[in-house]
Amino acid sequence: MSFSPFKGPFAQRIDEWEKLLVPMSDIFEEWLKCQRQWMYLESIFVGAEDIRMQLPEEAKKFDAINKAFKGIMTATNAQPNVVKACTTDQRLETLVSLGDRLVACQKSLTDYLDTKRNAFPRFFFLSNDELLEILSEGKDPLRVQPFMKKCFEAVQKVEFTEQITMKTIVSVEGESVPLCKEIDPAETGAVEKWMLEFEDVMKDSLLK
C-alpha cells in the first residue's frame, strides 16, 4: 500500500502502520531464536538434578532466564494481540538480552561437556545430547548401557551382578569375556571415572 500512487488520503495511517509493522520481522526472528535456545536448555536444566549440581551457577542463571521468558509467554497468551505483544516493554531489546544470556549458558554447558570428554576421550564419539543423557543417568549404570556400543565399538553390552557391579563384557558377536575385576560404579563415583576404569579392566581381561 505504501507504494501505491493512490495512497494520498491514507498516507499518514499507512506510515504509522509501516513504522509499527516493519520492526516485527526482527522481533519474530529474535523471539523464535530465543525460544529454540530456551527449549533446548530447559530440557537440560529443568528436572536434571545431576546437571544442576554440576553447574550450579549456570542453573541459577537459567532459572532467571526461564522465569523471564515464561513471563513474556504468559502475558502474550493472556493478551494475544500481535501489535501489543511486539511493542510492550521494549520487547526486541528484552528478547535480544535473553538470547545473549541463553548463548552464555550454552557456552558454559559446552565447556563443561568438553571437560568430561577430556577426562574420558571416548565421549568424543557421542553427541552433546547423548553425553548429557549419560551424565544425567551416571548414577544408574544400567541406563548407560545403550551407549556402551558407541563408546566401545566391539562391546554390545555389559552384564551386571545383582549388586549392580560390572562383571562380564559381551561382544556384538555374542562372545562373553568375564572381567578380571568387578567394577562398582557407585563406589567409583562420576560416570567418566568408572567408564575409564572399565576400559582399563577390559584391556587387562582381554590380555589374560
N, C-alpha and C. Protein backbone atom coordinates (compact mmCIF):
# COMPACT_ATOMS: atom_id res chain seq x y z
N MET A 1 0.82 -1.20 0.00
CA MET A 1 0.00 0.00 0.00
C MET A 1 0.86 1.26 0.00
N SER A 2 2.02 1.20 0.65
CA SER A 2 2.87 2.39 0.72
C SER A 2 3.43 2.80 -0.63
N PHE A 3 3.45 1.89 -1.59
CA PHE A 3 3.96 2.21 -2.92
C PHE A 3 2.85 2.58 -3.90
N SER A 4 1.63 2.57 -3.43
CA SER A 4 0.50 2.88 -4.31
C SER A 4 0.45 4.38 -4.62
N PRO A 5 0.21 4.75 -5.89
CA PRO A 5 0.10 6.18 -6.23
C PRO A 5 -1.18 6.82 -5.68
N PHE A 6 -2.07 5.99 -5.18
CA PHE A 6 -3.35 6.49 -4.68
C PHE A 6 -3.42 6.50 -3.14
N LYS A 7 -2.25 6.45 -2.50
CA LYS A 7 -2.25 6.34 -1.03
C LYS A 7 -2.47 7.67 -0.33
N GLY A 8 -2.51 8.77 -1.08
CA GLY A 8 -2.57 10.11 -0.52
C GLY A 8 -3.47 10.29 0.68
N PRO A 9 -4.76 9.96 0.58
CA PRO A 9 -5.66 10.19 1.72
C PRO A 9 -5.33 9.33 2.94
N PHE A 10 -4.59 8.24 2.69
CA PHE A 10 -4.29 7.31 3.79
C PHE A 10 -2.80 7.31 4.18
N ALA A 11 -2.04 8.26 3.62
CA ALA A 11 -0.58 8.25 3.77
C ALA A 11 -0.15 8.24 5.23
N GLN A 12 -0.78 9.09 6.05
CA GLN A 12 -0.37 9.16 7.45
C GLN A 12 -0.62 7.83 8.17
N ARG A 13 -1.81 7.23 7.95
CA ARG A 13 -2.12 5.96 8.60
C ARG A 13 -1.20 4.85 8.10
N ILE A 14 -0.91 4.88 6.79
CA ILE A 14 -0.02 3.86 6.22
C ILE A 14 1.38 3.98 6.83
N ASP A 15 1.87 5.21 6.96
CA ASP A 15 3.20 5.42 7.54
C ASP A 15 3.25 4.95 9.00
N GLU A 16 2.19 5.22 9.72
CA GLU A 16 2.14 4.79 11.12
C GLU A 16 2.17 3.27 11.23
N TRP A 17 1.39 2.60 10.38
CA TRP A 17 1.37 1.13 10.40
C TRP A 17 2.70 0.55 9.92
N GLU A 18 3.30 1.23 8.95
CA GLU A 18 4.58 0.73 8.43
C GLU A 18 5.66 0.78 9.52
N LYS A 19 5.68 1.90 10.27
CA LYS A 19 6.64 2.02 11.36
C LYS A 19 6.38 0.97 12.44
N LEU A 20 5.14 0.59 12.58
CA LEU A 20 4.76 -0.40 13.59
C LEU A 20 5.07 -1.82 13.15
N LEU A 21 4.83 -2.12 11.88
CA LEU A 21 4.92 -3.50 11.40
C LEU A 21 6.31 -3.91 10.94
N VAL A 22 7.07 -2.98 10.37
CA VAL A 22 8.39 -3.34 9.83
C VAL A 22 9.31 -3.96 10.90
N PRO A 23 9.40 -3.38 12.11
CA PRO A 23 10.29 -3.99 13.13
C PRO A 23 9.83 -5.37 13.60
N MET A 24 8.59 -5.74 13.29
CA MET A 24 8.08 -7.01 13.81
C MET A 24 8.83 -8.21 13.25
N SER A 25 9.32 -8.12 12.04
CA SER A 25 10.07 -9.25 11.47
C SER A 25 11.32 -9.52 12.31
N ASP A 26 11.99 -8.44 12.75
CA ASP A 26 13.17 -8.61 13.61
C ASP A 26 12.78 -9.21 14.96
N ILE A 27 11.63 -8.76 15.49
CA ILE A 27 11.17 -9.27 16.78
C ILE A 27 10.82 -10.75 16.68
N PHE A 28 10.09 -11.13 15.61
CA PHE A 28 9.72 -12.53 15.44
C PHE A 28 10.96 -13.42 15.28
N GLU A 29 11.93 -12.95 14.52
CA GLU A 29 13.16 -13.72 14.31
C GLU A 29 13.90 -13.94 15.63
N GLU A 30 14.01 -12.86 16.42
CA GLU A 30 14.70 -12.96 17.71
C GLU A 30 13.90 -13.82 18.68
N TRP A 31 12.59 -13.71 18.63
CA TRP A 31 11.70 -14.47 19.51
C TRP A 31 11.85 -15.97 19.25
N LEU A 32 11.83 -16.34 17.97
CA LEU A 32 11.95 -17.76 17.61
C LEU A 32 13.33 -18.31 17.96
N LYS A 33 14.37 -17.49 17.74
CA LYS A 33 15.73 -17.93 18.09
C LYS A 33 15.85 -18.13 19.59
N CYS A 34 15.28 -17.21 20.35
CA CYS A 34 15.30 -17.30 21.81
C CYS A 34 14.52 -18.53 22.27
N GLN A 35 13.38 -18.79 21.64
CA GLN A 35 12.55 -19.93 22.01
C GLN A 35 13.28 -21.25 21.76
N ARG A 36 13.98 -21.35 20.62
CA ARG A 36 14.71 -22.59 20.32
C ARG A 36 15.80 -22.85 21.35
N GLN A 37 16.54 -21.81 21.71
CA GLN A 37 17.60 -21.97 22.70
C GLN A 37 17.01 -22.32 24.07
N TRP A 38 15.90 -21.66 24.41
CA TRP A 38 15.25 -21.93 25.69
C TRP A 38 14.74 -23.36 25.77
N MET A 39 14.12 -23.86 24.70
CA MET A 39 13.59 -25.22 24.69
C MET A 39 14.70 -26.25 24.88
N TYR A 40 15.85 -26.01 24.23
CA TYR A 40 16.98 -26.94 24.35
C TYR A 40 17.52 -26.97 25.77
N LEU A 41 17.75 -25.79 26.33
CA LEU A 41 18.35 -25.72 27.66
C LEU A 41 17.35 -26.10 28.76
N GLU A 42 16.06 -25.87 28.53
CA GLU A 42 15.07 -26.24 29.54
C GLU A 42 15.09 -27.74 29.79
N SER A 43 15.25 -28.53 28.70
CA SER A 43 15.27 -29.99 28.85
C SER A 43 16.49 -30.46 29.64
N ILE A 44 17.50 -29.60 29.73
CA ILE A 44 18.73 -29.95 30.44
C ILE A 44 18.70 -29.47 31.89
N PHE A 45 18.31 -28.22 32.10
CA PHE A 45 18.40 -27.63 33.43
C PHE A 45 17.15 -27.83 34.29
N VAL A 46 16.03 -28.13 33.68
CA VAL A 46 14.80 -28.33 34.46
C VAL A 46 14.58 -29.83 34.65
N GLY A 47 14.75 -30.29 35.86
CA GLY A 47 14.50 -31.70 36.16
C GLY A 47 15.73 -32.58 36.19
N ALA A 48 16.84 -32.13 35.61
CA ALA A 48 18.07 -32.93 35.61
C ALA A 48 18.94 -32.49 36.80
N GLU A 49 18.70 -33.08 37.95
CA GLU A 49 19.37 -32.64 39.18
C GLU A 49 20.88 -32.81 39.12
N ASP A 50 21.35 -33.88 38.47
CA ASP A 50 22.80 -34.09 38.40
C ASP A 50 23.48 -32.96 37.65
N ILE A 51 22.89 -32.54 36.54
CA ILE A 51 23.47 -31.45 35.76
C ILE A 51 23.42 -30.15 36.56
N ARG A 52 22.33 -29.92 37.25
CA ARG A 52 22.20 -28.71 38.06
C ARG A 52 23.24 -28.68 39.18
N MET A 53 23.53 -29.84 39.75
CA MET A 53 24.55 -29.91 40.80
C MET A 53 25.94 -29.65 40.25
N GLN A 54 26.19 -30.12 39.02
CA GLN A 54 27.49 -29.93 38.40
C GLN A 54 27.68 -28.48 37.94
N LEU A 55 26.59 -27.82 37.56
CA LEU A 55 26.66 -26.45 37.05
C LEU A 55 25.71 -25.55 37.85
N PRO A 56 25.97 -25.35 39.12
CA PRO A 56 25.02 -24.59 39.96
C PRO A 56 24.85 -23.14 39.52
N GLU A 57 25.93 -22.47 39.11
CA GLU A 57 25.82 -21.07 38.71
C GLU A 57 25.01 -20.94 37.43
N GLU A 58 25.29 -21.82 36.45
CA GLU A 58 24.55 -21.77 35.19
C GLU A 58 23.08 -22.13 35.41
N ALA A 59 22.83 -23.05 36.36
CA ALA A 59 21.44 -23.43 36.67
C ALA A 59 20.68 -22.22 37.24
N LYS A 60 21.34 -21.45 38.11
CA LYS A 60 20.69 -20.26 38.67
C LYS A 60 20.42 -19.23 37.58
N LYS A 61 21.40 -19.06 36.69
CA LYS A 61 21.22 -18.11 35.59
C LYS A 61 20.07 -18.54 34.69
N PHE A 62 20.00 -19.84 34.41
CA PHE A 62 18.91 -20.30 33.54
C PHE A 62 17.56 -20.15 34.24
N ASP A 63 17.51 -20.37 35.55
CA ASP A 63 16.26 -20.20 36.28
C ASP A 63 15.72 -18.78 36.11
N ALA A 64 16.63 -17.78 36.16
CA ALA A 64 16.21 -16.38 35.99
C ALA A 64 15.72 -16.15 34.56
N ILE A 65 16.44 -16.71 33.58
CA ILE A 65 16.03 -16.58 32.17
C ILE A 65 14.70 -17.27 31.96
N ASN A 66 14.56 -18.45 32.53
CA ASN A 66 13.34 -19.24 32.39
C ASN A 66 12.13 -18.46 32.93
N LYS A 67 12.31 -17.83 34.07
CA LYS A 67 11.23 -17.05 34.68
C LYS A 67 10.85 -15.87 33.78
N ALA A 68 11.85 -15.18 33.24
CA ALA A 68 11.58 -14.02 32.38
C ALA A 68 10.90 -14.43 31.08
N PHE A 69 11.39 -15.51 30.46
CA PHE A 69 10.82 -15.94 29.18
C PHE A 69 9.39 -16.44 29.38
N LYS A 70 9.16 -17.20 30.44
CA LYS A 70 7.80 -17.68 30.70
C LYS A 70 6.86 -16.52 31.01
N GLY A 71 7.39 -15.47 31.64
CA GLY A 71 6.58 -14.29 31.91
C GLY A 71 6.11 -13.64 30.62
N ILE A 72 7.02 -13.56 29.64
CA ILE A 72 6.66 -13.00 28.33
C ILE A 72 5.59 -13.85 27.66
N MET A 73 5.78 -15.17 27.69
CA MET A 73 4.83 -16.07 27.03
C MET A 73 3.47 -16.06 27.72
N THR A 74 3.47 -15.97 29.04
CA THR A 74 2.21 -15.94 29.79
C THR A 74 1.44 -14.66 29.47
N ALA A 75 2.15 -13.53 29.44
CA ALA A 75 1.50 -12.25 29.13
C ALA A 75 0.96 -12.25 27.70
N THR A 76 1.71 -12.84 26.79
CA THR A 76 1.27 -12.89 25.39
C THR A 76 0.05 -13.78 25.24
N ASN A 77 0.05 -14.89 25.97
CA ASN A 77 -1.10 -15.79 25.92
C ASN A 77 -2.36 -15.13 26.50
N ALA A 78 -2.16 -14.30 27.54
CA ALA A 78 -3.30 -13.63 28.16
C ALA A 78 -3.87 -12.53 27.26
N GLN A 79 -2.99 -11.93 26.44
CA GLN A 79 -3.44 -10.88 25.53
C GLN A 79 -2.82 -11.13 24.15
N PRO A 80 -3.39 -12.06 23.40
CA PRO A 80 -2.78 -12.48 22.13
C PRO A 80 -3.01 -11.50 20.97
N ASN A 81 -2.48 -10.30 21.15
CA ASN A 81 -2.55 -9.28 20.11
C ASN A 81 -1.13 -9.05 19.61
N VAL A 82 -0.91 -9.28 18.32
CA VAL A 82 0.46 -9.27 17.81
C VAL A 82 1.13 -7.91 17.98
N VAL A 83 0.39 -6.82 17.78
CA VAL A 83 0.99 -5.49 17.91
C VAL A 83 1.40 -5.23 19.35
N LYS A 84 0.48 -5.52 20.28
CA LYS A 84 0.79 -5.29 21.70
C LYS A 84 1.92 -6.22 22.17
N ALA A 85 1.92 -7.45 21.68
CA ALA A 85 2.96 -8.40 22.09
C ALA A 85 4.35 -7.95 21.64
N CYS A 86 4.41 -7.26 20.51
CA CYS A 86 5.71 -6.86 19.96
C CYS A 86 6.14 -5.46 20.36
N THR A 87 5.25 -4.70 20.95
CA THR A 87 5.60 -3.31 21.30
C THR A 87 5.58 -3.05 22.79
N THR A 88 5.35 -4.09 23.57
CA THR A 88 5.27 -3.94 25.03
C THR A 88 6.64 -4.14 25.67
N ASP A 89 6.97 -3.26 26.61
CA ASP A 89 8.17 -3.44 27.45
C ASP A 89 9.46 -3.65 26.66
N GLN A 90 9.66 -2.84 25.62
CA GLN A 90 10.90 -2.96 24.83
C GLN A 90 11.16 -4.42 24.45
N ARG A 91 10.19 -5.00 23.79
CA ARG A 91 10.21 -6.44 23.53
C ARG A 91 11.47 -6.90 22.79
N LEU A 92 11.88 -6.18 21.75
CA LEU A 92 13.06 -6.61 20.98
C LEU A 92 14.31 -6.61 21.86
N GLU A 93 14.51 -5.53 22.60
CA GLU A 93 15.70 -5.43 23.45
C GLU A 93 15.70 -6.53 24.51
N THR A 94 14.51 -6.82 25.06
CA THR A 94 14.39 -7.86 26.08
C THR A 94 14.74 -9.23 25.51
N LEU A 95 14.23 -9.52 24.32
CA LEU A 95 14.49 -10.83 23.70
C LEU A 95 15.95 -10.97 23.30
N VAL A 96 16.56 -9.89 22.82
CA VAL A 96 17.98 -9.93 22.47
C VAL A 96 18.82 -10.22 23.72
N SER A 97 18.46 -9.55 24.83
CA SER A 97 19.18 -9.77 26.09
C SER A 97 19.04 -11.22 26.56
N LEU A 98 17.80 -11.75 26.51
CA LEU A 98 17.58 -13.13 26.92
C LEU A 98 18.35 -14.09 26.01
N GLY A 99 18.35 -13.80 24.71
CA GLY A 99 19.09 -14.65 23.77
C GLY A 99 20.58 -14.69 24.08
N ASP A 100 21.15 -13.51 24.39
CA ASP A 100 22.58 -13.44 24.72
C ASP A 100 22.88 -14.24 26.00
N ARG A 101 21.98 -14.15 26.97
CA ARG A 101 22.18 -14.89 28.23
C ARG A 101 22.04 -16.40 28.00
N LEU A 102 21.14 -16.79 27.12
CA LEU A 102 21.00 -18.22 26.79
C LEU A 102 22.23 -18.74 26.08
N VAL A 103 22.79 -17.93 25.19
CA VAL A 103 24.03 -18.32 24.48
C VAL A 103 25.16 -18.51 25.49
N ALA A 104 25.24 -17.62 26.49
CA ALA A 104 26.28 -17.74 27.51
C ALA A 104 26.10 -19.03 28.32
N CYS A 105 24.84 -19.38 28.64
CA CYS A 105 24.56 -20.62 29.36
C CYS A 105 24.97 -21.83 28.53
N GLN A 106 24.67 -21.77 27.23
CA GLN A 106 25.01 -22.89 26.36
C GLN A 106 26.51 -23.04 26.22
N LYS A 107 27.24 -21.92 26.18
CA LYS A 107 28.70 -21.99 26.11
C LYS A 107 29.28 -22.64 27.37
N SER A 108 28.74 -22.27 28.53
CA SER A 108 29.19 -22.87 29.78
C SER A 108 28.92 -24.37 29.78
N LEU A 109 27.78 -24.75 29.24
CA LEU A 109 27.42 -26.17 29.16
C LEU A 109 28.38 -26.91 28.23
N THR A 110 28.71 -26.29 27.09
CA THR A 110 29.64 -26.91 26.14
C THR A 110 31.02 -27.07 26.77
N ASP A 111 31.47 -26.05 27.49
CA ASP A 111 32.77 -26.13 28.18
C ASP A 111 32.77 -27.27 29.20
N TYR A 112 31.66 -27.42 29.90
CA TYR A 112 31.52 -28.49 30.89
C TYR A 112 31.61 -29.86 30.22
N LEU A 113 30.93 -30.02 29.08
CA LEU A 113 30.97 -31.29 28.36
C LEU A 113 32.37 -31.58 27.85
N ASP A 114 33.08 -30.53 27.47
CA ASP A 114 34.46 -30.72 26.99
C ASP A 114 35.37 -31.24 28.10
N THR A 115 35.13 -30.79 29.34
CA THR A 115 35.95 -31.31 30.45
C THR A 115 35.69 -32.80 30.65
N LYS A 116 34.44 -33.23 30.47
CA LYS A 116 34.10 -34.65 30.59
C LYS A 116 34.74 -35.45 29.46
N ARG A 117 34.74 -34.89 28.27
CA ARG A 117 35.34 -35.58 27.12
C ARG A 117 36.86 -35.68 27.28
N ASN A 118 37.46 -34.64 27.83
CA ASN A 118 38.90 -34.69 28.06
C ASN A 118 39.26 -35.71 29.14
N ALA A 119 38.35 -35.89 30.11
CA ALA A 119 38.58 -36.88 31.17
C ALA A 119 38.43 -38.31 30.63
N PHE A 120 37.51 -38.50 29.69
CA PHE A 120 37.28 -39.81 29.09
C PHE A 120 37.08 -39.60 27.58
N PRO A 121 38.18 -39.65 26.79
CA PRO A 121 38.13 -39.27 25.38
C PRO A 121 37.10 -40.01 24.52
N ARG A 122 36.68 -41.20 24.94
CA ARG A 122 35.69 -41.93 24.13
C ARG A 122 34.34 -41.21 24.11
N PHE A 123 34.15 -40.24 24.98
CA PHE A 123 32.93 -39.44 24.94
C PHE A 123 32.88 -38.56 23.70
N PHE A 124 34.03 -38.40 23.03
CA PHE A 124 34.03 -37.63 21.78
C PHE A 124 33.23 -38.35 20.69
N PHE A 125 32.97 -39.65 20.87
CA PHE A 125 32.17 -40.39 19.90
C PHE A 125 30.68 -40.08 20.03
N LEU A 126 30.31 -39.40 21.10
CA LEU A 126 28.90 -39.14 21.38
C LEU A 126 28.53 -37.70 21.08
N SER A 127 27.29 -37.49 20.71
CA SER A 127 26.78 -36.13 20.52
C SER A 127 26.58 -35.48 21.89
N ASN A 128 26.38 -34.17 21.89
CA ASN A 128 26.14 -33.46 23.15
C ASN A 128 24.90 -34.00 23.87
N ASP A 129 23.85 -34.26 23.10
CA ASP A 129 22.61 -34.77 23.71
C ASP A 129 22.82 -36.14 24.34
N GLU A 130 23.58 -37.00 23.65
CA GLU A 130 23.85 -38.34 24.19
C GLU A 130 24.71 -38.25 25.45
N LEU A 131 25.71 -37.39 25.42
CA LEU A 131 26.59 -37.24 26.57
C LEU A 131 25.82 -36.67 27.77
N LEU A 132 24.95 -35.72 27.50
CA LEU A 132 24.13 -35.17 28.58
C LEU A 132 23.24 -36.23 29.20
N GLU A 133 22.71 -37.12 28.36
CA GLU A 133 21.87 -38.19 28.89
C GLU A 133 22.67 -39.13 29.77
N ILE A 134 23.89 -39.44 29.34
CA ILE A 134 24.76 -40.31 30.14
C ILE A 134 25.08 -39.64 31.48
N LEU A 135 25.42 -38.35 31.44
CA LEU A 135 25.79 -37.65 32.67
C LEU A 135 24.61 -37.55 33.64
N SER A 136 23.42 -37.39 33.09
CA SER A 136 22.25 -37.29 33.96
C SER A 136 21.84 -38.64 34.53
N GLU A 137 22.28 -39.74 33.86
CA GLU A 137 21.95 -41.09 34.33
C GLU A 137 23.16 -41.81 34.91
N GLY A 138 24.25 -41.06 35.13
CA GLY A 138 25.51 -41.67 35.54
C GLY A 138 25.44 -42.51 36.81
N LYS A 139 24.51 -42.20 37.70
CA LYS A 139 24.40 -42.96 38.95
C LYS A 139 23.72 -44.31 38.74
N ASP A 140 23.12 -44.48 37.58
CA ASP A 140 22.45 -45.75 37.26
C ASP A 140 23.11 -46.35 36.03
N PRO A 141 24.16 -47.18 36.20
CA PRO A 141 24.91 -47.71 35.06
C PRO A 141 24.05 -48.53 34.10
N LEU A 142 22.95 -49.09 34.58
CA LEU A 142 22.08 -49.87 33.71
C LEU A 142 21.46 -48.99 32.62
N ARG A 143 21.26 -47.72 32.93
CA ARG A 143 20.67 -46.81 31.96
C ARG A 143 21.72 -46.23 31.01
N VAL A 144 22.99 -46.45 31.34
CA VAL A 144 24.08 -46.04 30.44
C VAL A 144 24.34 -47.13 29.41
N GLN A 145 23.81 -48.32 29.67
CA GLN A 145 24.04 -49.48 28.81
C GLN A 145 23.86 -49.22 27.31
N PRO A 146 22.81 -48.51 26.87
CA PRO A 146 22.61 -48.31 25.43
C PRO A 146 23.75 -47.57 24.73
N PHE A 147 24.59 -46.87 25.49
CA PHE A 147 25.65 -46.08 24.89
C PHE A 147 27.00 -46.79 24.88
N MET A 148 27.05 -47.99 25.48
CA MET A 148 28.32 -48.71 25.56
C MET A 148 28.88 -49.02 24.17
N LYS A 149 27.99 -49.41 23.26
CA LYS A 149 28.44 -49.78 21.92
C LYS A 149 29.03 -48.59 21.17
N LYS A 150 28.51 -47.40 21.45
CA LYS A 150 29.04 -46.20 20.79
C LYS A 150 30.40 -45.82 21.34
N CYS A 151 30.61 -46.10 22.62
CA CYS A 151 31.91 -45.79 23.23
C CYS A 151 32.95 -46.88 22.94
N PHE A 152 32.48 -48.13 22.87
CA PHE A 152 33.37 -49.27 22.63
C PHE A 152 32.78 -50.08 21.47
N GLU A 153 33.38 -49.96 20.32
CA GLU A 153 32.78 -50.48 19.09
C GLU A 153 32.41 -51.95 19.16
N ALA A 154 33.25 -52.78 19.78
CA ALA A 154 33.02 -54.23 19.78
C ALA A 154 32.18 -54.71 20.96
N VAL A 155 31.83 -53.80 21.86
CA VAL A 155 31.07 -54.20 23.05
C VAL A 155 29.58 -53.99 22.80
N GLN A 156 28.83 -55.08 22.86
CA GLN A 156 27.38 -54.98 22.68
C GLN A 156 26.69 -54.55 23.98
N LYS A 157 27.15 -55.16 25.08
CA LYS A 157 26.57 -54.82 26.38
C LYS A 157 27.49 -55.30 27.49
N VAL A 158 27.14 -54.91 28.71
CA VAL A 158 27.87 -55.34 29.90
C VAL A 158 26.88 -56.05 30.81
N GLU A 159 27.28 -57.18 31.34
CA GLU A 159 26.43 -57.89 32.30
C GLU A 159 26.78 -57.46 33.71
N PHE A 160 25.74 -57.32 34.53
CA PHE A 160 25.91 -56.84 35.91
C PHE A 160 25.51 -57.92 36.90
N THR A 161 26.07 -57.83 38.09
CA THR A 161 25.66 -58.71 39.18
C THR A 161 24.39 -58.11 39.82
N GLU A 162 23.84 -58.83 40.78
CA GLU A 162 22.66 -58.32 41.48
C GLU A 162 22.99 -57.06 42.28
N GLN A 163 24.25 -56.89 42.63
CA GLN A 163 24.68 -55.71 43.38
C GLN A 163 25.04 -54.55 42.43
N ILE A 164 24.71 -54.70 41.15
CA ILE A 164 24.98 -53.70 40.11
C ILE A 164 26.48 -53.40 39.99
N THR A 165 27.28 -54.47 40.00
CA THR A 165 28.69 -54.33 39.67
C THR A 165 28.90 -54.95 38.29
N MET A 166 29.83 -54.41 37.53
CA MET A 166 30.08 -54.88 36.16
C MET A 166 30.93 -56.14 36.22
N LYS A 167 30.46 -57.22 35.59
CA LYS A 167 31.18 -58.50 35.72
C LYS A 167 31.61 -59.10 34.40
N THR A 168 30.88 -58.85 33.30
CA THR A 168 31.16 -59.52 32.03
C THR A 168 30.90 -58.57 30.87
N ILE A 169 31.77 -58.62 29.86
CA ILE A 169 31.50 -57.88 28.63
C ILE A 169 31.03 -58.87 27.56
N VAL A 170 30.08 -58.43 26.76
CA VAL A 170 29.52 -59.26 25.69
C VAL A 170 29.74 -58.54 24.37
N SER A 171 30.39 -59.24 23.41
CA SER A 171 30.71 -58.62 22.13
C SER A 171 29.48 -58.59 21.23
N VAL A 172 29.59 -57.90 20.11
CA VAL A 172 28.49 -57.84 19.14
C VAL A 172 28.23 -59.21 18.52
N GLU A 173 29.22 -60.11 18.56
CA GLU A 173 29.05 -61.47 18.06
C GLU A 173 28.47 -62.41 19.11
N GLY A 174 28.26 -61.89 20.33
CA GLY A 174 27.69 -62.70 21.39
C GLY A 174 28.71 -63.39 22.26
N GLU A 175 29.99 -63.15 22.05
CA GLU A 175 31.04 -63.75 22.87
C GLU A 175 31.12 -63.04 24.22
N SER A 176 31.34 -63.81 25.29
CA SER A 176 31.41 -63.24 26.64
C SER A 176 32.82 -63.34 27.19
N VAL A 177 33.26 -62.29 27.83
CA VAL A 177 34.57 -62.27 28.49
C VAL A 177 34.39 -61.76 29.92
N PRO A 178 34.61 -62.60 30.91
CA PRO A 178 34.49 -62.14 32.31
C PRO A 178 35.57 -61.10 32.61
N LEU A 179 35.21 -60.09 33.34
CA LEU A 179 36.19 -59.09 33.74
C LEU A 179 37.07 -59.67 34.84
N CYS A 180 38.35 -59.36 34.79
CA CYS A 180 39.26 -59.87 35.80
C CYS A 180 39.05 -59.21 37.16
N LYS A 181 38.27 -58.14 37.14
CA LYS A 181 37.94 -57.44 38.38
C LYS A 181 36.56 -56.81 38.22
N GLU A 182 35.70 -57.09 39.18
CA GLU A 182 34.37 -56.48 39.12
C GLU A 182 34.47 -54.98 39.43
N ILE A 183 33.67 -54.20 38.71
CA ILE A 183 33.70 -52.74 38.87
C ILE A 183 32.40 -52.28 39.51
N ASP A 184 32.54 -51.48 40.55
CA ASP A 184 31.37 -50.95 41.24
C ASP A 184 31.23 -49.46 40.90
N PRO A 185 30.36 -49.11 39.94
CA PRO A 185 30.21 -47.70 39.55
C PRO A 185 29.84 -46.80 40.72
N ALA A 186 29.01 -47.30 41.64
CA ALA A 186 28.59 -46.48 42.77
C ALA A 186 29.77 -46.10 43.65
N GLU A 187 30.74 -47.01 43.74
CA GLU A 187 31.92 -46.75 44.58
C GLU A 187 32.89 -45.81 43.89
N THR A 188 32.98 -45.94 42.56
CA THR A 188 33.94 -45.13 41.80
C THR A 188 33.48 -43.68 41.70
N GLY A 189 32.17 -43.47 41.54
CA GLY A 189 31.66 -42.10 41.50
C GLY A 189 31.24 -41.63 40.13
N ALA A 190 31.86 -40.55 39.65
CA ALA A 190 31.47 -39.93 38.39
C ALA A 190 31.53 -40.92 37.24
N VAL A 191 30.61 -40.76 36.29
CA VAL A 191 30.48 -41.73 35.20
C VAL A 191 31.76 -41.84 34.38
N GLU A 192 32.44 -40.70 34.14
CA GLU A 192 33.67 -40.76 33.34
C GLU A 192 34.76 -41.55 34.06
N LYS A 193 34.72 -41.58 35.40
CA LYS A 193 35.73 -42.31 36.16
C LYS A 193 35.51 -43.81 36.07
N TRP A 194 34.23 -44.26 36.23
CA TRP A 194 34.04 -45.70 36.16
C TRP A 194 34.08 -46.22 34.73
N MET A 195 33.78 -45.37 33.76
CA MET A 195 33.96 -45.76 32.35
C MET A 195 35.45 -45.93 32.04
N LEU A 196 36.27 -45.05 32.59
CA LEU A 196 37.71 -45.15 32.40
C LEU A 196 38.25 -46.39 33.08
N GLU A 197 37.75 -46.69 34.28
CA GLU A 197 38.17 -47.90 34.98
C GLU A 197 37.73 -49.14 34.19
N PHE A 198 36.52 -49.10 33.64
CA PHE A 198 36.02 -50.22 32.83
C PHE A 198 36.93 -50.45 31.63
N GLU A 199 37.37 -49.40 30.99
CA GLU A 199 38.26 -49.52 29.83
C GLU A 199 39.56 -50.21 30.21
N ASP A 200 40.16 -49.79 31.34
CA ASP A 200 41.42 -50.39 31.78
C ASP A 200 41.24 -51.86 32.15
N VAL A 201 40.17 -52.18 32.90
CA VAL A 201 39.93 -53.56 33.33
C VAL A 201 39.61 -54.43 32.12
N MET A 202 38.88 -53.89 31.15
CA MET A 202 38.56 -54.65 29.94
C MET A 202 39.84 -55.02 29.18
N LYS A 203 40.77 -54.10 29.07
CA LYS A 203 42.03 -54.38 28.38
C LYS A 203 42.81 -55.47 29.12
N ASP A 204 42.88 -55.34 30.46
CA ASP A 204 43.60 -56.35 31.24
C ASP A 204 42.92 -57.72 31.10
N SER A 205 41.59 -57.75 31.08
CA SER A 205 40.85 -59.03 30.97
C SER A 205 41.11 -59.69 29.63
N LEU A 206 41.18 -58.89 28.56
CA LEU A 206 41.42 -59.45 27.23
C LEU A 206 42.86 -59.96 27.10
N LEU A 207 43.78 -59.30 27.77
CA LEU A 207 45.19 -59.75 27.72
C LEU A 207 45.36 -61.08 28.42
N LYS A 208 44.54 -61.31 29.47
CA LYS A 208 44.65 -62.57 30.22
C LYS A 208 43.93 -63.70 29.52
